Amino acid sequence: MTLDEAMQLVMGMKCSQKQLAYELGCTQSAIPQWDAKKIPWARELQVKDIVARRKESARKKAKKEAVK
């Protein structure tokens, strides 16, 4: 996963490195140290987990709204 892909997945649009750092719980200064073409594996997993949790939350919310 590239840095740009991670930023788009986490924020749903192009975001700043500061926003990505906040979402991942890391320092803003850590992100520029990553290879832009391949982010660290552990951070890639973290990005995928954030996206999955958001999708699950949205699915549950939609289901709850449909019941009303």
Protein backbone atom coordinates (compact mmCIF):
# COMPACT_ATOMS: atom_id res chain seq x y z
CA MET A 1 0.00 0.00 0.00
CA THR A 2 1.33 3.41 -0.91
CA LEU A 3 1.24 6.41 1.38
CA ASP A 4 -1.32 8.13 -0.87
CA GLU A 5 -3.56 5.04 -0.81
CA ALA A 6 -3.39 4.92 2.98
CA MET A 7 -4.28 8.59 3.26
CA GLN A 8 -7.26 8.17 0.92
CA LEU A 9 -8.53 5.04 2.68
CA VAL A 10 -8.30 6.47 6.18
CA MET A 11 -9.89 9.81 5.48
CA GLY A 12 -12.05 8.95 2.47
CA MET A 13 -10.21 11.61 0.51
CA LYS A 14 -6.73 13.00 0.23
CA CYS A 15 -5.72 14.08 3.72
CA SER A 16 -2.67 15.58 5.31
CA GLN A 17 0.10 13.60 6.94
CA LYS A 18 -0.92 15.24 10.21
CA GLN A 19 -4.44 13.79 9.92
CA LEU A 20 -3.09 10.35 9.02
CA ALA A 21 -0.72 10.42 11.99
CA TYR A 22 -3.60 11.30 14.30
CA GLU A 23 -5.75 8.43 12.98
CA LEU A 24 -2.89 5.94 13.31
CA GLY A 25 -1.81 7.21 16.71
CA CYS A 26 1.74 7.92 15.64
CA THR A 27 3.82 11.07 15.48
CA GLN A 28 3.59 13.37 12.51
CA SER A 29 7.36 13.19 12.10
CA ALA A 30 7.23 9.40 11.62
CA ILE A 31 5.25 9.49 8.38
CA PRO A 32 7.81 11.29 6.17
CA GLN A 33 10.29 8.55 7.10
CA TRP A 34 8.12 5.92 5.39
CA ASP A 35 8.75 4.87 1.81
CA ALA A 36 5.94 6.59 -0.14
CA LYS A 37 5.63 3.57 -2.43
CA LYS A 38 5.25 1.05 0.41
CA ILE A 39 4.23 1.97 3.94
CA PRO A 40 5.31 -0.27 6.84
CA TRP A 41 3.41 -3.55 7.00
CA ALA A 42 2.10 -2.97 10.52
CA ARG A 43 0.73 0.45 9.53
CA GLU A 44 -0.88 -1.08 6.43
CA LEU A 45 -2.69 -3.56 8.68
CA GLN A 46 -3.72 -0.71 10.96
CA VAL A 47 -5.15 1.25 8.01
CA LYS A 48 -7.11 -1.80 6.86
CA ASP A 49 -8.44 -2.31 10.39
CA ILE A 50 -9.59 1.32 10.64
CA VAL A 51 -11.40 1.02 7.29
CA ALA A 52 -13.04 -2.27 8.29
CA ARG A 53 -14.25 -0.86 11.61
CA ARG A 54 -15.71 2.19 9.89
CA LYS A 55 -17.52 0.04 7.33
CA GLU A 56 -18.92 -2.19 10.08
CA SER A 57 -20.06 0.85 12.04
CA ALA A 58 -21.73 2.34 8.96
CA ARG A 59 -23.41 -1.00 8.21
CA LYS A 60 -24.78 -1.26 11.74
CA LYS A 61 -26.00 2.34 11.63
CA ALA A 62 -27.76 1.77 8.30
CA LYS A 63 -29.37 -1.41 9.63
CA LYS A 64 -30.52 0.41 12.77
CA GLU A 65 -31.97 3.26 10.67
CA ALA A 66 -33.79 0.76 8.43
CA VAL A 67 -35.50 -0.78 11.48
CA LYS A 68 -37.01 2.56 12.54
